[in-house]
Protein backbone atom coordinates (compact mmCIF):
# COMPACT_ATOMS: atom_id res chain seq x y z
CA UNK A 1 109.42 200.54 -129.42
CA UNK A 2 108.32 203.54 -127.16
CA UNK A 3 108.12 203.56 -123.44
CA UNK A 4 104.38 203.63 -123.59
CA UNK A 5 104.34 200.03 -125.58
CA UNK A 6 105.04 196.49 -124.59
CA UNK A 7 108.56 195.26 -124.89
CA UNK A 8 109.24 193.02 -128.30
CA UNK A 9 108.67 189.37 -127.91
CA UNK A 10 112.00 187.54 -127.94
CA UNK A 11 112.31 184.72 -130.87
CA UNK A 12 113.78 182.16 -128.50
CA UNK A 13 113.52 181.60 -124.95
CA UNK A 14 113.56 178.83 -122.28
CA UNK A 15 116.88 177.91 -123.91
CA UNK A 16 118.77 175.20 -121.90
CA UNK A 17 122.45 174.47 -122.29
CA UNK A 18 123.95 171.29 -122.12
CA UNK A 19 124.31 169.92 -118.48
CA UNK A 20 128.23 169.56 -119.03
CA UNK A 21 128.81 173.68 -120.97
CA UNK A 22 126.94 176.28 -118.74
CA UNK A 23 128.13 179.17 -120.01
CA UNK A 24 129.52 178.17 -123.23
CA UNK A 25 126.51 178.23 -125.18
CA UNK A 26 124.02 181.35 -124.85
CA UNK A 27 121.36 183.25 -126.55
CA UNK A 28 122.32 186.08 -128.87
CA UNK A 29 120.76 188.85 -130.85
CA UNK A 30 121.43 190.75 -134.72
CA UNK A 31 122.82 187.94 -136.51
CA UNK A 32 124.91 189.69 -139.15
CA UNK A 33 128.52 189.94 -141.07
CA UNK A 34 131.02 190.31 -137.94
CA UNK A 35 128.99 188.00 -135.27
CA UNK A 36 131.04 185.85 -133.30
CA UNK A 37 129.04 182.00 -133.65
CA UNK A 38 131.56 180.33 -130.90
CA UNK A 39 132.14 181.06 -127.21
CA UNK A 40 135.49 179.63 -127.00
CA UNK A 41 137.12 180.30 -130.99
CA UNK A 42 137.38 183.99 -132.40
CA UNK A 43 135.31 182.83 -135.69
CA UNK A 44 133.01 185.28 -137.04
CA UNK A 45 130.38 185.30 -139.59
CA UNK A 46 131.86 187.09 -143.17
CA UNK A 47 128.61 185.99 -144.98
CA UNK A 48 124.90 185.13 -144.74
CA UNK A 49 121.84 185.40 -146.25
CA UNK A 50 119.86 188.66 -146.23
CA UNK A 51 116.79 187.21 -144.86
CA UNK A 52 118.78 186.14 -141.62
CA UNK A 53 120.26 189.76 -140.80
CA UNK A 54 118.88 190.69 -137.41
CA UNK A 55 117.84 187.49 -136.49
CA UNK A 56 117.99 185.88 -132.72
CA UNK A 57 120.80 182.97 -132.73
CA UNK A 58 122.39 180.56 -130.17
CA UNK A 59 126.40 180.64 -129.98
CA UNK A 60 127.45 177.22 -129.32
CA UNK A 61 130.91 175.37 -127.90
CA UNK A 62 133.40 174.24 -131.24
CA UNK A 63 134.72 171.29 -129.74
CA UNK A 64 136.74 170.55 -132.77
CA UNK A 65 138.88 174.02 -131.84
CA UNK A 66 140.02 171.85 -128.69
CA UNK A 67 140.64 168.64 -129.91
CA UNK A 68 136.91 166.70 -129.15
CA UNK A 69 134.17 165.79 -131.83
CA UNK A 70 131.41 165.72 -129.61
CA UNK A 71 128.62 167.94 -130.93
CA UNK A 72 126.34 168.98 -127.74
CA UNK A 73 122.36 168.93 -128.14
CA UNK A 74 120.53 172.11 -128.35
CA UNK A 75 117.20 172.28 -126.77
CA UNK A 76 114.98 175.55 -126.58
CA UNK A 77 111.48 176.91 -127.32
CA UNK A 78 110.15 180.00 -129.86
CA UNK A 79 108.00 182.44 -128.43
CA UNK A 80 106.39 183.34 -132.24
CA UNK A 81 105.59 181.05 -135.67
CA UNK A 82 108.92 180.94 -137.72
CA UNK A 83 111.58 179.15 -139.37
CA UNK A 84 114.68 177.65 -137.36
CA UNK A 85 117.80 177.60 -139.43
CA UNK A 86 120.69 174.73 -138.30
CA UNK A 87 124.02 175.65 -139.86
CA UNK A 88 126.22 172.44 -140.61
CA UNK A 89 129.54 172.19 -142.12
CA UNK A 90 130.67 169.80 -144.76
CA UNK A 91 131.42 167.05 -142.24
CA UNK A 92 128.21 166.74 -140.30
CA UNK A 93 126.08 163.51 -140.75
CA UNK A 94 124.00 164.07 -143.82
CA UNK A 95 120.65 162.60 -141.85
CA UNK A 96 121.18 165.35 -139.37
CA UNK A 97 118.72 167.36 -138.62
CA UNK A 98 115.87 165.31 -138.34
CA UNK A 99 112.74 166.95 -139.92
CA UNK A 100 114.60 169.74 -141.50
CA UNK A 101 115.09 170.30 -145.41
CA UNK A 102 118.04 171.50 -146.93
CA UNK A 103 117.90 174.96 -148.37
CA UNK A 104 120.19 176.69 -151.12
CA UNK A 105 121.44 179.40 -148.34
CA UNK A 106 124.84 178.82 -146.63
CA UNK A 107 126.74 180.98 -144.44
CA UNK A 108 130.62 181.73 -144.58
CA UNK A 109 133.07 182.39 -141.83
CA UNK A 110 136.46 184.44 -141.71
CA UNK A 111 137.71 180.80 -140.96
CA UNK A 112 137.24 179.68 -144.51
CA UNK A 113 134.33 177.32 -143.64
CA UNK A 114 131.13 177.10 -145.85
CA UNK A 115 127.94 176.32 -143.38
CA UNK A 116 124.88 174.61 -145.15
CA UNK A 117 121.51 175.57 -143.60
CA UNK A 118 118.73 172.89 -142.96
CA UNK A 119 115.47 174.80 -141.84
CA UNK A 120 112.40 173.71 -140.74
CA UNK A 121 109.13 175.76 -139.73
CA UNK A 122 107.55 175.82 -136.25
CA UNK A 123 104.47 177.44 -134.85
CA UNK A 124 104.76 179.50 -131.96
CA UNK A 125 105.20 177.93 -128.74
CA UNK A 126 107.18 174.83 -130.34
CA UNK A 127 109.68 173.01 -128.21
CA UNK A 128 112.76 172.52 -130.83
CA UNK A 129 115.13 169.86 -129.83
CA UNK A 130 118.72 169.37 -132.09
CA UNK A 131 120.57 166.14 -131.16
CA UNK A 132 124.25 165.49 -130.22
CA UNK A 133 126.16 163.85 -132.56
CA UNK A 134 129.79 163.16 -133.53
CA UNK A 135 132.22 164.40 -136.63
CA UNK A 136 135.75 165.60 -137.06
CA UNK A 137 134.34 169.18 -138.18
CA UNK A 138 132.84 172.46 -136.49
CA UNK A 139 129.89 172.48 -134.36
CA UNK A 140 126.46 173.49 -135.59
CA UNK A 141 125.14 176.94 -134.76
CA UNK A 142 121.49 177.84 -135.03
CA UNK A 143 119.47 180.83 -135.91
CA UNK A 144 115.71 181.86 -135.80
CA UNK A 145 113.60 183.78 -138.22
CA UNK A 146 110.23 185.08 -137.31
CA UNK A 147 107.57 184.59 -140.09
CA UNK A 148 104.71 186.73 -138.20
CA UNK A 149 104.77 190.25 -137.62
CA UNK A 150 104.19 191.43 -134.13
CA UNK A 151 101.77 194.22 -133.61
CA UNK A 152 102.50 196.70 -131.55
CA UNK A 153 100.38 197.13 -128.33
CA UNK A 154 100.09 200.01 -125.93
CA UNK A 155 100.63 199.24 -122.53
CA UNK A 156 97.45 200.10 -119.96
CA UNK A 157 97.53 202.94 -118.18
CA UNK A 158 99.42 202.95 -115.11
CA UNK A 159 97.63 202.79 -111.61
CA UNK A 160 98.54 205.60 -109.34
CA UNK A 161 98.60 204.49 -105.63
CA UNK A 162 98.00 206.86 -102.83
CA UNK A 163 99.98 206.31 -99.77
CA UNK A 164 97.18 204.64 -98.10
CA UNK A 165 97.21 202.01 -100.86
CA UNK A 166 100.65 200.98 -100.64
CA UNK A 167 101.69 197.24 -101.33
CA UNK A 168 101.78 195.22 -98.49
CA UNK A 169 105.86 194.65 -97.50
CA UNK A 170 107.58 191.58 -96.46
CA UNK A 171 110.33 192.04 -93.59
CA UNK A 172 113.17 189.96 -93.46
CA UNK A 173 115.29 188.67 -90.65
CA UNK A 174 118.47 189.50 -91.07
CA UNK A 175 120.91 187.83 -88.27
CA UNK A 176 124.42 189.27 -90.06
CA UNK A 177 125.06 191.88 -92.95
CA UNK A 178 128.45 192.47 -93.15
CA UNK A 179 130.75 194.45 -95.69
CA UNK A 180 133.37 195.55 -93.22
CA UNK A 181 133.19 199.33 -94.11
CA UNK A 182 134.46 200.14 -90.49
CA UNK A 183 137.40 198.08 -88.17
CA UNK A 184 134.45 196.57 -85.65
CA UNK A 185 134.56 192.83 -85.63
CA UNK A 186 132.30 192.57 -82.70
CA UNK A 187 130.15 189.35 -83.07
CA UNK A 188 133.47 187.76 -84.07
CA UNK A 189 135.64 185.03 -82.72
CA UNK A 190 139.21 185.91 -84.27
CA UNK A 191 142.37 184.08 -83.61
CA UNK A 192 146.12 184.87 -85.86
CA UNK A 193 146.52 187.67 -88.20
CA UNK A 194 142.99 189.07 -88.72
CA UNK A 195 142.53 192.39 -89.95
CA UNK A 196 140.12 194.96 -91.81
CA UNK A 197 141.93 196.29 -95.38
CA UNK A 198 140.90 198.70 -98.00
CA UNK A 199 141.16 197.64 -101.16
CA UNK A 200 143.84 199.32 -103.10
CA UNK A 201 142.11 200.50 -106.19
CA UNK A 202 138.75 201.79 -104.03
CA UNK A 203 139.94 202.63 -100.74
CA UNK A 204 135.87 203.11 -99.68
CA UNK A 205 135.77 199.51 -99.94
CA UNK A 206 137.06 197.02 -97.29
CA UNK A 207 137.66 193.49 -96.69
CA UNK A 208 138.56 191.19 -94.08
CA UNK A 209 141.81 189.53 -94.45
CA UNK A 210 142.67 186.47 -92.73
CA UNK A 211 146.57 185.57 -93.28
CA UNK A 212 149.09 182.32 -92.27
CA UNK A 213 146.36 179.94 -90.38
CA UNK A 214 144.07 182.73 -88.77
CA UNK A 215 140.40 182.15 -88.52
CA UNK A 216 137.02 183.27 -87.45
CA UNK A 217 133.65 182.27 -86.40
CA UNK A 218 130.45 183.56 -85.48
CA UNK A 219 127.08 181.97 -83.81
CA UNK A 220 123.95 183.50 -84.43
CA UNK A 221 120.28 182.30 -82.82
CA UNK A 222 118.39 181.09 -85.64
CA UNK A 223 115.33 178.92 -86.38
CA UNK A 224 117.57 176.43 -87.73
CA UNK A 225 116.01 177.38 -91.45
CA UNK A 226 118.57 180.10 -92.56
CA UNK A 227 120.74 180.91 -95.47
CA UNK A 228 124.28 182.22 -94.98
CA UNK A 229 126.14 183.65 -98.16
CA UNK A 230 129.38 185.08 -98.45
CA UNK A 231 131.77 186.32 -101.03
CA UNK A 232 135.59 185.92 -100.66
CA UNK A 233 138.79 185.84 -102.48
CA UNK A 234 141.54 183.05 -101.75
CA UNK A 235 144.64 184.48 -103.36
CA UNK A 236 147.58 182.28 -101.65
CA UNK A 237 147.09 178.68 -100.34
CA UNK A 238 143.34 177.63 -99.11
CA UNK A 239 140.20 178.32 -96.85
CA UNK A 240 138.42 176.04 -94.99
CA UNK A 241 134.59 177.03 -94.43
CA UNK A 242 132.97 174.86 -91.96
CA UNK A 243 128.59 175.70 -91.44
CA UNK A 244 126.14 172.93 -90.02
CA UNK A 245 128.47 169.90 -90.40
CA UNK A 246 129.33 170.96 -94.14
CA UNK A 247 132.81 171.59 -94.81
CA UNK A 248 133.70 173.65 -98.05
CA UNK A 249 137.31 173.84 -99.26
CA UNK A 250 138.34 176.38 -101.68
CA UNK A 251 141.66 177.58 -103.49
CA UNK A 252 144.08 177.24 -106.33
CA UNK A 253 140.48 177.71 -108.52
CA UNK A 254 139.08 174.66 -107.18
CA UNK A 255 136.73 173.79 -104.60
CA UNK A 256 135.40 170.83 -102.84
CA UNK A 257 132.32 170.22 -100.61
CA UNK A 258 132.76 167.77 -97.71
CA UNK A 259 135.61 166.42 -99.94
CA UNK A 260 134.01 166.05 -103.53
CA UNK A 261 135.47 168.18 -106.04
CA UNK A 262 133.42 170.81 -107.77
CA UNK A 263 134.14 171.22 -111.39
CA UNK A 264 133.81 174.59 -113.57
CA UNK A 265 135.80 176.65 -110.86
CA UNK A 266 137.29 179.56 -113.13
CA UNK A 267 139.54 181.48 -110.58
CA UNK A 268 140.35 182.37 -106.76
CA UNK A 269 136.93 184.18 -106.30
CA UNK A 270 133.90 182.55 -104.60
CA UNK A 271 130.37 183.13 -103.71
CA UNK A 272 128.94 180.06 -101.27
CA UNK A 273 125.94 180.27 -99.86
CA UNK A 274 124.18 177.23 -97.48
CA UNK A 275 120.43 177.07 -97.68
CA UNK A 276 119.29 174.99 -94.76
CA UNK A 277 115.81 173.70 -94.20
CA UNK A 278 114.24 171.66 -91.35
CA UNK A 279 112.32 169.21 -93.29
CA UNK A 280 114.31 167.19 -94.33
CA UNK A 281 117.53 168.28 -92.66
CA UNK A 282 119.35 169.44 -95.50
CA UNK A 283 121.62 171.98 -97.04
CA UNK A 284 121.45 172.89 -100.44
CA UNK A 285 125.42 174.33 -101.17
CA UNK A 286 125.76 176.70 -103.76
CA UNK A 287 128.83 177.73 -105.59
CA UNK A 288 129.04 180.95 -107.92
CA UNK A 289 125.70 181.13 -107.97
CA UNK A 290 124.99 177.92 -109.00
CA UNK A 291 123.54 174.71 -106.81
CA UNK A 292 126.55 172.27 -106.29
CA UNK A 293 125.44 170.17 -103.58
CA UNK A 294 122.71 168.77 -101.19
CA UNK A 295 123.94 167.51 -97.91
CA UNK A 296 122.85 166.55 -94.43
CA UNK A 297 123.38 168.96 -92.07
CA UNK A 298 123.10 169.85 -88.13
CA UNK A 299 119.81 171.62 -87.81
CA UNK A 300 120.64 172.86 -84.36
CA UNK A 301 119.10 176.39 -84.24
CA UNK A 302 122.75 178.03 -83.05
CA UNK A 303 124.85 176.57 -85.01
CA UNK A 304 128.62 179.13 -85.84
CA UNK A 305 130.31 179.27 -88.89
CA UNK A 306 134.00 178.77 -88.96
CA UNK A 307 136.53 180.11 -91.87
CA UNK A 308 139.97 179.43 -91.60
CA UNK A 309 143.18 180.13 -93.54
CA UNK A 310 146.14 177.36 -94.67
CA UNK A 311 149.17 177.92 -92.84
CA UNK A 312 151.01 179.95 -96.03
CA UNK A 313 147.45 180.95 -97.26
CA UNK A 314 145.57 184.26 -97.45
CA UNK A 315 141.43 185.01 -97.23
CA UNK A 316 139.67 188.31 -98.41
CA UNK A 317 136.42 188.22 -97.05
CA UNK A 318 134.53 190.84 -98.84
CA UNK A 319 131.14 190.07 -97.64
CA UNK A 320 128.52 187.88 -95.31
CA UNK A 321 124.69 187.76 -95.12
CA UNK A 322 122.90 185.67 -92.71
CA UNK A 323 119.23 185.59 -92.88
CA UNK A 324 116.32 183.83 -92.05
CA UNK A 325 115.10 181.50 -94.98
CA UNK A 326 112.05 182.33 -96.68
CA UNK A 327 109.44 179.38 -95.78
CA UNK A 328 107.86 177.20 -98.38
CA UNK A 329 104.60 176.57 -97.45
CA UNK A 330 102.80 176.47 -100.82
CA UNK A 331 100.93 173.39 -102.19
CA UNK A 332 102.32 171.50 -98.90
CA UNK A 333 99.22 169.60 -97.78
CA UNK A 334 98.36 168.59 -100.94
CA UNK A 335 102.09 166.84 -101.66
CA UNK A 336 101.84 165.30 -98.49
CA UNK A 337 98.71 163.59 -99.46
CA UNK A 338 100.57 162.89 -103.23
CA UNK A 339 103.18 160.92 -100.94
CA UNK A 340 101.08 159.43 -97.75
CA UNK A 341 101.33 155.97 -99.41
CA UNK A 342 104.93 156.04 -99.84
CA UNK A 343 106.39 157.47 -96.64
CA UNK A 344 107.37 154.75 -94.55
CA UNK A 345 105.17 154.62 -90.91
CA UNK A 346 108.47 152.96 -89.27
CA UNK A 347 109.89 156.49 -89.66
CA UNK A 348 108.07 157.39 -86.46
CA UNK A 349 108.23 154.18 -84.82
CA UNK A 350 111.86 153.74 -84.86
CA UNK A 351 112.71 157.40 -85.18
CA UNK A 352 115.29 156.91 -88.03
CA UNK A 353 117.74 159.26 -88.26
CA UNK A 354 117.30 161.95 -91.22
CA UNK A 355 120.91 160.82 -92.60
CA UNK A 356 119.91 157.65 -92.65
CA UNK A 357 116.84 158.29 -94.80
CA UNK A 358 118.51 160.49 -96.81
CA UNK A 359 121.00 158.11 -97.94
CA UNK A 360 118.43 155.95 -98.74
CA UNK A 361 116.57 158.44 -100.72
CA UNK A 362 119.95 159.75 -102.56
CA UNK A 363 120.16 155.83 -103.72
CA UNK A 364 117.02 155.94 -104.85
CA UNK A 365 116.97 159.27 -106.68
CA UNK A 366 120.60 157.98 -108.77
CA UNK A 367 118.66 154.49 -109.91
CA UNK A 368 116.10 157.15 -111.87
CA UNK A 369 116.28 158.10 -115.25
CA UNK A 370 117.12 161.52 -115.44
CA UNK A 371 113.80 163.22 -116.37
CA UNK A 372 112.16 160.92 -113.96
CA UNK A 373 114.65 162.57 -111.22
CA UNK A 374 114.55 165.83 -112.51
CA UNK A 375 110.63 166.05 -112.20
CA UNK A 376 110.31 164.24 -108.76
CA UNK A 377 112.78 166.63 -107.25
CA UNK A 378 110.87 169.67 -108.88
CA UNK A 379 107.45 168.64 -107.36
CA UNK A 380 108.66 167.21 -104.02
CA UNK A 381 111.63 169.25 -103.29
CA UNK A 382 111.12 172.43 -105.14
CA UNK A 383 107.11 172.56 -104.71
CA UNK A 384 106.54 173.03 -108.42
CA UNK A 385 103.08 172.86 -109.53
CA UNK A 386 102.13 170.24 -111.97
CA UNK A 387 101.46 172.97 -114.69
CA UNK A 388 105.18 174.51 -114.09
CA UNK A 389 106.70 171.02 -114.54
CA UNK A 390 104.61 170.31 -117.71
CA UNK A 391 105.82 173.46 -118.80
CA UNK A 392 109.55 173.44 -117.84
CA UNK A 393 109.93 169.98 -119.49
CA UNK A 394 107.68 170.16 -122.55
CA UNK A 395 105.18 167.46 -121.45
CA UNK A 396 101.36 167.33 -121.20
CA UNK A 397 100.03 167.61 -117.73
CA UNK A 398 98.81 163.89 -117.44
CA UNK A 399 102.08 162.69 -118.56
CA UNK A 400 103.66 164.58 -115.43
CA UNK A 401 101.31 163.08 -113.11
CA UNK A 402 101.82 159.45 -114.45
CA UNK A 403 105.50 159.77 -114.22
CA UNK A 404 105.25 161.19 -110.42
CA UNK A 405 102.88 158.08 -109.92
CA UNK A 406 105.10 155.44 -111.16
CA UNK A 407 107.99 157.17 -109.12
CA UNK A 408 105.92 157.10 -105.93
CA UNK A 409 105.38 153.44 -106.63
CA UNK A 410 108.97 152.74 -107.24
CA UNK A 411 109.84 154.63 -104.03
CA UNK A 412 107.60 152.73 -102.13
CA UNK A 413 108.74 149.11 -103.66
CA UNK A 414 112.27 150.47 -102.94
CA UNK A 415 111.82 151.23 -99.19
CA UNK A 416 110.03 148.32 -98.78
CA UNK A 417 113.14 146.08 -100.31
CA UNK A 418 115.29 148.26 -97.79
CA UNK A 419 113.36 146.73 -94.70
CA UNK A 420 110.90 149.89 -94.30
CA UNK A 421 107.66 149.44 -93.86
CA UNK A 422 105.27 151.85 -95.61
């Protein structure tokens, strides 16, 4: 492929890792001897069929290596017509996977295992789902072999813009953007041992060190709809971060939000982000670039954040960013019309606090089946269109509309049972 052609279409797309194994399952390219097939075990392929050489494949997590027998599901889409091969060891159930036919092909590894290959053809755009199961053997892995030949297409000629034809730019309102390149801490209220230090291996980079109970705070006049993020290390003790009524505790390769533990924290380095919105008054907390919890929060325009080290602790604050949150305007009117029959009128009459209504909504969402809950959130929290949701979940648009309608009716009934007139 040259620079003047469209890039090659991938074989596997929209791969969804099992909910509790993020990072342990992932897509890989160029299947061949020497490839590693498990994320947690150093097991590589020694022999594979020639027709699968160079194909895309999915690396999985081998629970047997860690003493478990559960094999998690795999879910993805394919972008080319082709054949999906599921590689199973001798201990896998005989009726797994559904709809696949046994072939004479095998894959062998340096651990002495031989995997039988089961194949099923799929058309371009098909949704592939392999169920979870339990067995004492090793986990299955997946290889995709395209059977259609992709024709190379030249890129259209690029349009050249004059200075007068530049694209419109959008300004971002930044309140704070600090990486502590200078020892100037104006705007921060500091107490205790707080100082700017240079990194040992790169003196041009700096961080703000807080030790032995030291702390900082800073407040900015915002609209109350903002994003605050910071990157920090906690090499000793713990760190307490407070913003808008939300408390995050960090340290010892662990984290908690408002007293609730957050799993899958790998080390003492953290990236914490607060995304605060007006309607409803909610703060979405992200840890290490993943959404961790949705919390009720203080929507005051001038809300400070505070960061404090424990008595025997040390914090190395590398970066602070605080900016105006992007406004989510798309489809607000249509969504309001969809929800008008299950939004309680009594909210305005009784001036119900957002925290009270938030608790009821949390209870309602917890009572829903997983798919219904996710579809409801994608529509009314993330403001996804019906077509985007249908594509994400592999459903027809009418099916998505039916699920949303039934969920709204359940919400209306639920609020009614809680004594809230709708």
